[in-house]
Amino acid sequence: MRNLLYIIAVILIIGWAFGFFYAGSTGIIHALLVIAIIALLLGVIRRA
């Protein structure tokens, strides 16, 4: 399950970077970044 969270987080960060640099900054792009950070934090917290 932890690997799945990291995969989802990486996909969301890549999507955020692509959207931020190529499609302009919209609300949904920044929401993807927040979701990715939350997924990474959950993975770190669950591991500890």
C-alpha atoms as a PDB file:
ATOM      1  CA  MET A   1       0.000   0.000   0.000  1.00  0.00           C
ATOM      2  CA  ARG A   2       2.885   2.380   0.741  1.00  0.00           C
ATOM      3  CA  ASN A   3       4.281   1.976  -2.761  1.00  0.00           C
ATOM      4  CA  LEU A   4       0.898   2.854  -4.207  1.00  0.00           C
ATOM      5  CA  LEU A   5       0.832   6.124  -2.251  1.00  0.00           C
ATOM      6  CA  TYR A   6       4.274   7.052  -3.557  1.00  0.00           C
ATOM      7  CA  ILE A   7       3.304   6.214  -7.137  1.00  0.00           C
ATOM      8  CA  ILE A   8       0.157   8.331  -6.866  1.00  0.00           C
ATOM      9  CA  ALA A   9       2.135  11.186  -5.308  1.00  0.00           C
ATOM     10  CA  VAL A  10       4.749  11.121  -8.069  1.00  0.00           C
ATOM     11  CA  ILE A  11       2.073  11.068 -10.775  1.00  0.00           C
ATOM     12  CA  LEU A  12       0.303  14.026  -9.156  1.00  0.00           C
ATOM     13  CA  ILE A  13       3.529  16.009  -8.821  1.00  0.00           C
ATOM     14  CA  ILE A  14       4.383  15.373 -12.477  1.00  0.00           C
ATOM     15  CA  GLY A  15       0.860  16.396 -13.456  1.00  0.00           C
ATOM     16  CA  TRP A  16       1.169  19.529 -11.361  1.00  0.00           C
ATOM     17  CA  ALA A  17       4.516  20.443 -12.907  1.00  0.00           C
ATOM     18  CA  PHE A  18       3.216  19.850 -16.432  1.00  0.00           C
ATOM     19  CA  GLY A  19       0.080  21.883 -15.820  1.00  0.00           C
ATOM     20  CA  PHE A  20       1.899  24.671 -14.030  1.00  0.00           C
ATOM     21  CA  PHE A  21       4.518  25.221 -16.702  1.00  0.00           C
ATOM     22  CA  TYR A  22       2.483  24.489 -19.842  1.00  0.00           C
ATOM     23  CA  ALA A  23      -1.168  25.214 -19.105  1.00  0.00           C
ATOM     24  CA  GLY A  24      -0.910  28.168 -16.757  1.00  0.00           C
ATOM     25  CA  SER A  25      -1.659  28.144 -13.072  1.00  0.00           C
ATOM     26  CA  THR A  26      -5.232  27.214 -12.282  1.00  0.00           C
ATOM     27  CA  GLY A  27      -6.797  26.080  -9.024  1.00  0.00           C
ATOM     28  CA  ILE A  28      -6.933  22.404  -9.967  1.00  0.00           C
ATOM     29  CA  ILE A  29      -3.210  22.301 -10.691  1.00  0.00           C
ATOM     30  CA  HIS A  30      -2.370  23.501  -7.200  1.00  0.00           C
ATOM     31  CA  ALA A  31      -4.903  21.094  -5.715  1.00  0.00           C
ATOM     32  CA  LEU A  32      -2.944  18.244  -7.339  1.00  0.00           C
ATOM     33  CA  LEU A  33       0.195  19.412  -5.573  1.00  0.00           C
ATOM     34  CA  VAL A  34      -1.569  19.548  -2.213  1.00  0.00           C
ATOM     35  CA  ILE A  35      -2.963  16.029  -2.695  1.00  0.00           C
ATOM     36  CA  ALA A  36       0.496  14.745  -3.623  1.00  0.00           C
ATOM     37  CA  ILE A  37       2.064  16.286  -0.531  1.00  0.00           C
ATOM     38  CA  ILE A  38      -0.654  14.792   1.668  1.00  0.00           C
ATOM     39  CA  ALA A  39      -0.067  11.361   0.116  1.00  0.00           C
ATOM     40  CA  LEU A  40       3.673  11.612   0.772  1.00  0.00           C
ATOM     41  CA  LEU A  41       3.109  12.726   4.356  1.00  0.00           C
ATOM     42  CA  LEU A  42       0.711   9.844   4.978  1.00  0.00           C
ATOM     43  CA  GLY A  43       3.326   7.424   3.689  1.00  0.00           C
ATOM     44  CA  VAL A  44       6.005   8.878   5.968  1.00  0.00           C
ATOM     45  CA  ILE A  45       3.697   8.921   9.002  1.00  0.00           C
ATOM     46  CA  ARG A  46       2.542   5.343   8.472  1.00  0.00           C
ATOM     47  CA  ARG A  47       6.118   4.108   8.101  1.00  0.00           C
ATOM     48  CA  ALA A  48       7.240   5.678  11.402  1.00  0.00           C
END
